[in-house]
Amino acid sequence: MAEIHNPHDYGKFLRYLRHEVYQETIREFAVRCGISHGYLGRLELGGVPAPKRSTVISIAGQLEMDPNDFLTIAGYTPEGEVEERTTRAKATLMKLQRLPEEHQELVLDFINYLVSKYD
């Protein structure tokens, strides 16, 4: 999952869409998004964290908008990037497995060292 820039960004974004784009009441917009008006209100006010990834994608679909934009605002990695990272990780693992075991340990030690620098 990508870093969330601000936990309230997604709710603010939905509120902006509701007021400026659709000019709807909270109840009308909640129906359009496929969620309850109470939940939408809590999202807009930052009372709850961004929804699950699947909910973000569903809301984007209901609004006929690009889900990757919604995912990014909600703090998730967009769809294509997830697949690209997964493919790259699998290729790297396959390369690592081809090394002799003692070299695999050295590579893993180095990775652990690098990760510790960012914790």
C-alpha atoms as a PDB file:
ATOM      1  CA  MET A   1       0.000   0.000   0.000  1.00  0.00           C
ATOM      2  CA  ALA A   2       1.240   3.492  -0.783  1.00  0.00           C
ATOM      3  CA  GLU A   3       1.748   6.067   1.910  1.00  0.00           C
ATOM      4  CA  ILE A   4      -1.352   8.045   2.781  1.00  0.00           C
ATOM      5  CA  HIS A   5      -0.567  11.722   2.300  1.00  0.00           C
ATOM      6  CA  ASN A   6      -3.241  12.780   4.770  1.00  0.00           C
ATOM      7  CA  PRO A   7      -5.803  10.398   6.235  1.00  0.00           C
ATOM      8  CA  HIS A   8      -8.594  12.901   5.524  1.00  0.00           C
ATOM      9  CA  ASP A   9      -7.754  13.579   1.859  1.00  0.00           C
ATOM     10  CA  TYR A  10     -10.172  10.982   0.514  1.00  0.00           C
ATOM     11  CA  GLY A  11     -13.111  12.339   2.508  1.00  0.00           C
ATOM     12  CA  LYS A  12     -12.276  15.901   1.484  1.00  0.00           C
ATOM     13  CA  PHE A  13     -12.136  14.748  -2.130  1.00  0.00           C
ATOM     14  CA  LEU A  14     -15.583  13.136  -1.904  1.00  0.00           C
ATOM     15  CA  ARG A  15     -16.968  16.267  -0.253  1.00  0.00           C
ATOM     16  CA  TYR A  16     -15.524  18.397  -3.060  1.00  0.00           C
ATOM     17  CA  LEU A  17     -17.108  16.139  -5.693  1.00  0.00           C
ATOM     18  CA  ARG A  18     -20.448  16.239  -3.900  1.00  0.00           C
ATOM     19  CA  HIS A  19     -20.522  20.036  -3.593  1.00  0.00           C
ATOM     20  CA  GLU A  20     -18.706  21.273  -6.686  1.00  0.00           C
ATOM     21  CA  VAL A  21     -19.277  18.599  -9.316  1.00  0.00           C
ATOM     22  CA  TYR A  22     -22.605  16.978  -8.493  1.00  0.00           C
ATOM     23  CA  GLN A  23     -24.186  19.660  -6.265  1.00  0.00           C
ATOM     24  CA  GLU A  24     -26.059  16.999  -4.318  1.00  0.00           C
ATOM     25  CA  THR A  25     -27.132  16.507  -0.742  1.00  0.00           C
ATOM     26  CA  ILE A  26     -25.217  13.991   1.315  1.00  0.00           C
ATOM     27  CA  ARG A  27     -28.077  11.495   0.932  1.00  0.00           C
ATOM     28  CA  GLU A  28     -28.238  11.883  -2.851  1.00  0.00           C
ATOM     29  CA  PHE A  29     -24.483  11.552  -3.243  1.00  0.00           C
ATOM     30  CA  ALA A  30     -24.337   8.540  -0.928  1.00  0.00           C
ATOM     31  CA  VAL A  31     -26.894   6.764  -3.131  1.00  0.00           C
ATOM     32  CA  ARG A  32     -24.827   7.684  -6.204  1.00  0.00           C
ATOM     33  CA  CYS A  33     -21.676   6.273  -4.507  1.00  0.00           C
ATOM     34  CA  GLY A  34     -23.409   3.130  -3.279  1.00  0.00           C
ATOM     35  CA  ILE A  35     -22.687   3.777   0.411  1.00  0.00           C
ATOM     36  CA  SER A  36     -24.762   4.937   3.375  1.00  0.00           C
ATOM     37  CA  HIS A  37     -25.129   8.653   4.006  1.00  0.00           C
ATOM     38  CA  GLY A  38     -23.873   8.174   7.569  1.00  0.00           C
ATOM     39  CA  TYR A  39     -20.679   6.545   6.359  1.00  0.00           C
ATOM     40  CA  LEU A  40     -20.206   9.240   3.703  1.00  0.00           C
ATOM     41  CA  GLY A  41     -20.612  11.920   6.358  1.00  0.00           C
ATOM     42  CA  ARG A  42     -17.986  10.284   8.579  1.00  0.00           C
ATOM     43  CA  LEU A  43     -15.631   9.979   5.585  1.00  0.00           C
ATOM     44  CA  GLU A  44     -16.078  13.632   4.665  1.00  0.00           C
ATOM     45  CA  LEU A  45     -15.395  14.770   8.225  1.00  0.00           C
ATOM     46  CA  GLY A  46     -12.387  12.496   8.653  1.00  0.00           C
ATOM     47  CA  GLY A  47     -14.127  10.454  11.339  1.00  0.00           C
ATOM     48  CA  VAL A  48     -13.089   7.181   9.711  1.00  0.00           C
ATOM     49  CA  PRO A  49     -10.019   6.207   7.711  1.00  0.00           C
ATOM     50  CA  ALA A  50     -10.160   5.745   3.960  1.00  0.00           C
ATOM     51  CA  PRO A  51     -12.294   2.748   2.962  1.00  0.00           C
ATOM     52  CA  LYS A  52     -10.979  -0.626   1.887  1.00  0.00           C
ATOM     53  CA  ARG A  53      -9.364  -0.711  -1.532  1.00  0.00           C
ATOM     54  CA  SER A  54     -12.365  -2.571  -3.001  1.00  0.00           C
ATOM     55  CA  THR A  55     -14.763   0.097  -1.684  1.00  0.00           C
ATOM     56  CA  VAL A  56     -12.658   2.889  -3.197  1.00  0.00           C
ATOM     57  CA  ILE A  57     -12.732   1.109  -6.566  1.00  0.00           C
ATOM     58  CA  SER A  58     -16.488   0.556  -6.254  1.00  0.00           C
ATOM     59  CA  ILE A  59     -17.172   4.236  -5.502  1.00  0.00           C
ATOM     60  CA  ALA A  60     -15.049   5.288  -8.500  1.00  0.00           C
ATOM     61  CA  GLY A  61     -17.034   2.866 -10.662  1.00  0.00           C
ATOM     62  CA  GLN A  62     -20.348   4.207  -9.415  1.00  0.00           C
ATOM     63  CA  LEU A  63     -19.173   7.718 -10.331  1.00  0.00           C
ATOM     64  CA  GLU A  64     -17.797   6.478 -13.678  1.00  0.00           C
ATOM     65  CA  MET A  65     -14.341   7.854 -12.866  1.00  0.00           C
ATOM     66  CA  ASP A  66     -10.831   6.406 -13.078  1.00  0.00           C
ATOM     67  CA  PRO A  67     -10.324   4.149 -10.029  1.00  0.00           C
ATOM     68  CA  ASN A  68      -6.582   4.848 -10.036  1.00  0.00           C
ATOM     69  CA  ASP A  69      -7.208   8.513  -9.230  1.00  0.00           C
ATOM     70  CA  PHE A  70      -9.410   7.491  -6.325  1.00  0.00           C
ATOM     71  CA  LEU A  71      -6.910   4.880  -5.124  1.00  0.00           C
ATOM     72  CA  THR A  72      -4.088   7.416  -5.108  1.00  0.00           C
ATOM     73  CA  ILE A  73      -6.086   9.978  -3.142  1.00  0.00           C
ATOM     74  CA  ALA A  74      -7.141   7.291  -0.649  1.00  0.00           C
ATOM     75  CA  GLY A  75      -3.486   6.343  -0.145  1.00  0.00           C
ATOM     76  CA  TYR A  76      -3.376   3.131  -2.166  1.00  0.00           C
ATOM     77  CA  THR A  77      -1.035   2.178  -4.981  1.00  0.00           C
ATOM     78  CA  PRO A  78      -2.823   2.387  -8.348  1.00  0.00           C
ATOM     79  CA  GLU A  79      -3.718  -0.903 -10.050  1.00  0.00           C
ATOM     80  CA  GLY A  80      -1.024  -1.026 -12.755  1.00  0.00           C
ATOM     81  CA  GLU A  81       1.757  -0.200 -10.311  1.00  0.00           C
ATOM     82  CA  VAL A  82       0.776  -3.105  -8.060  1.00  0.00           C
ATOM     83  CA  GLU A  83       1.045  -5.543 -10.965  1.00  0.00           C
ATOM     84  CA  GLU A  84       4.365  -4.043 -12.098  1.00  0.00           C
ATOM     85  CA  ARG A  85       5.848  -4.249  -8.600  1.00  0.00           C
ATOM     86  CA  THR A  86       4.633  -7.816  -8.179  1.00  0.00           C
ATOM     87  CA  THR A  87       6.185  -8.860 -11.495  1.00  0.00           C
ATOM     88  CA  ARG A  88       9.473  -7.152 -10.602  1.00  0.00           C
ATOM     89  CA  ALA A  89       9.501  -8.786  -7.152  1.00  0.00           C
ATOM     90  CA  LYS A  90       8.899 -12.239  -8.641  1.00  0.00           C
ATOM     91  CA  ALA A  91      11.700 -11.749 -11.191  1.00  0.00           C
ATOM     92  CA  THR A  92      14.080 -10.628  -8.442  1.00  0.00           C
ATOM     93  CA  LEU A  93      13.174 -13.627  -6.295  1.00  0.00           C
ATOM     94  CA  MET A  94      13.797 -15.975  -9.227  1.00  0.00           C
ATOM     95  CA  LYS A  95      17.251 -14.435  -9.712  1.00  0.00           C
ATOM     96  CA  LEU A  96      17.988 -14.748  -5.995  1.00  0.00           C
ATOM     97  CA  GLN A  97      17.012 -18.425  -6.010  1.00  0.00           C
ATOM     98  CA  ARG A  98      19.576 -19.100  -8.749  1.00  0.00           C
ATOM     99  CA  LEU A  99      22.422 -17.973  -6.488  1.00  0.00           C
ATOM    100  CA  PRO A 100      24.294 -20.392  -4.215  1.00  0.00           C
ATOM    101  CA  GLU A 101      22.750 -20.504  -0.741  1.00  0.00           C
ATOM    102  CA  GLU A 102      25.633 -18.619   0.917  1.00  0.00           C
ATOM    103  CA  HIS A 103      25.232 -15.775  -1.586  1.00  0.00           C
ATOM    104  CA  GLN A 104      21.476 -15.737  -1.001  1.00  0.00           C
ATOM    105  CA  GLU A 105      22.183 -15.185   2.705  1.00  0.00           C
ATOM    106  CA  LEU A 106      24.536 -12.298   1.897  1.00  0.00           C
ATOM    107  CA  VAL A 107      21.935 -10.648  -0.332  1.00  0.00           C
ATOM    108  CA  LEU A 108      19.236 -11.056   2.328  1.00  0.00           C
ATOM    109  CA  ASP A 109      21.559  -9.613   4.988  1.00  0.00           C
ATOM    110  CA  PHE A 110      22.215  -6.625   2.739  1.00  0.00           C
ATOM    111  CA  ILE A 111      18.483  -6.117   2.103  1.00  0.00           C
ATOM    112  CA  ASN A 112      17.817  -6.280   5.853  1.00  0.00           C
ATOM    113  CA  TYR A 113      20.570  -3.713   6.416  1.00  0.00           C
ATOM    114  CA  LEU A 114      19.037  -1.352   3.845  1.00  0.00           C
ATOM    115  CA  VAL A 115      15.540  -1.760   5.277  1.00  0.00           C
ATOM    116  CA  SER A 116      16.828  -0.989   8.775  1.00  0.00           C
ATOM    117  CA  LYS A 117      18.131   2.359   7.497  1.00  0.00           C
ATOM    118  CA  TYR A 118      14.566   3.401   6.587  1.00  0.00           C
ATOM    119  CA  ASP A 119      12.765   2.181   9.701  1.00  0.00           C
END
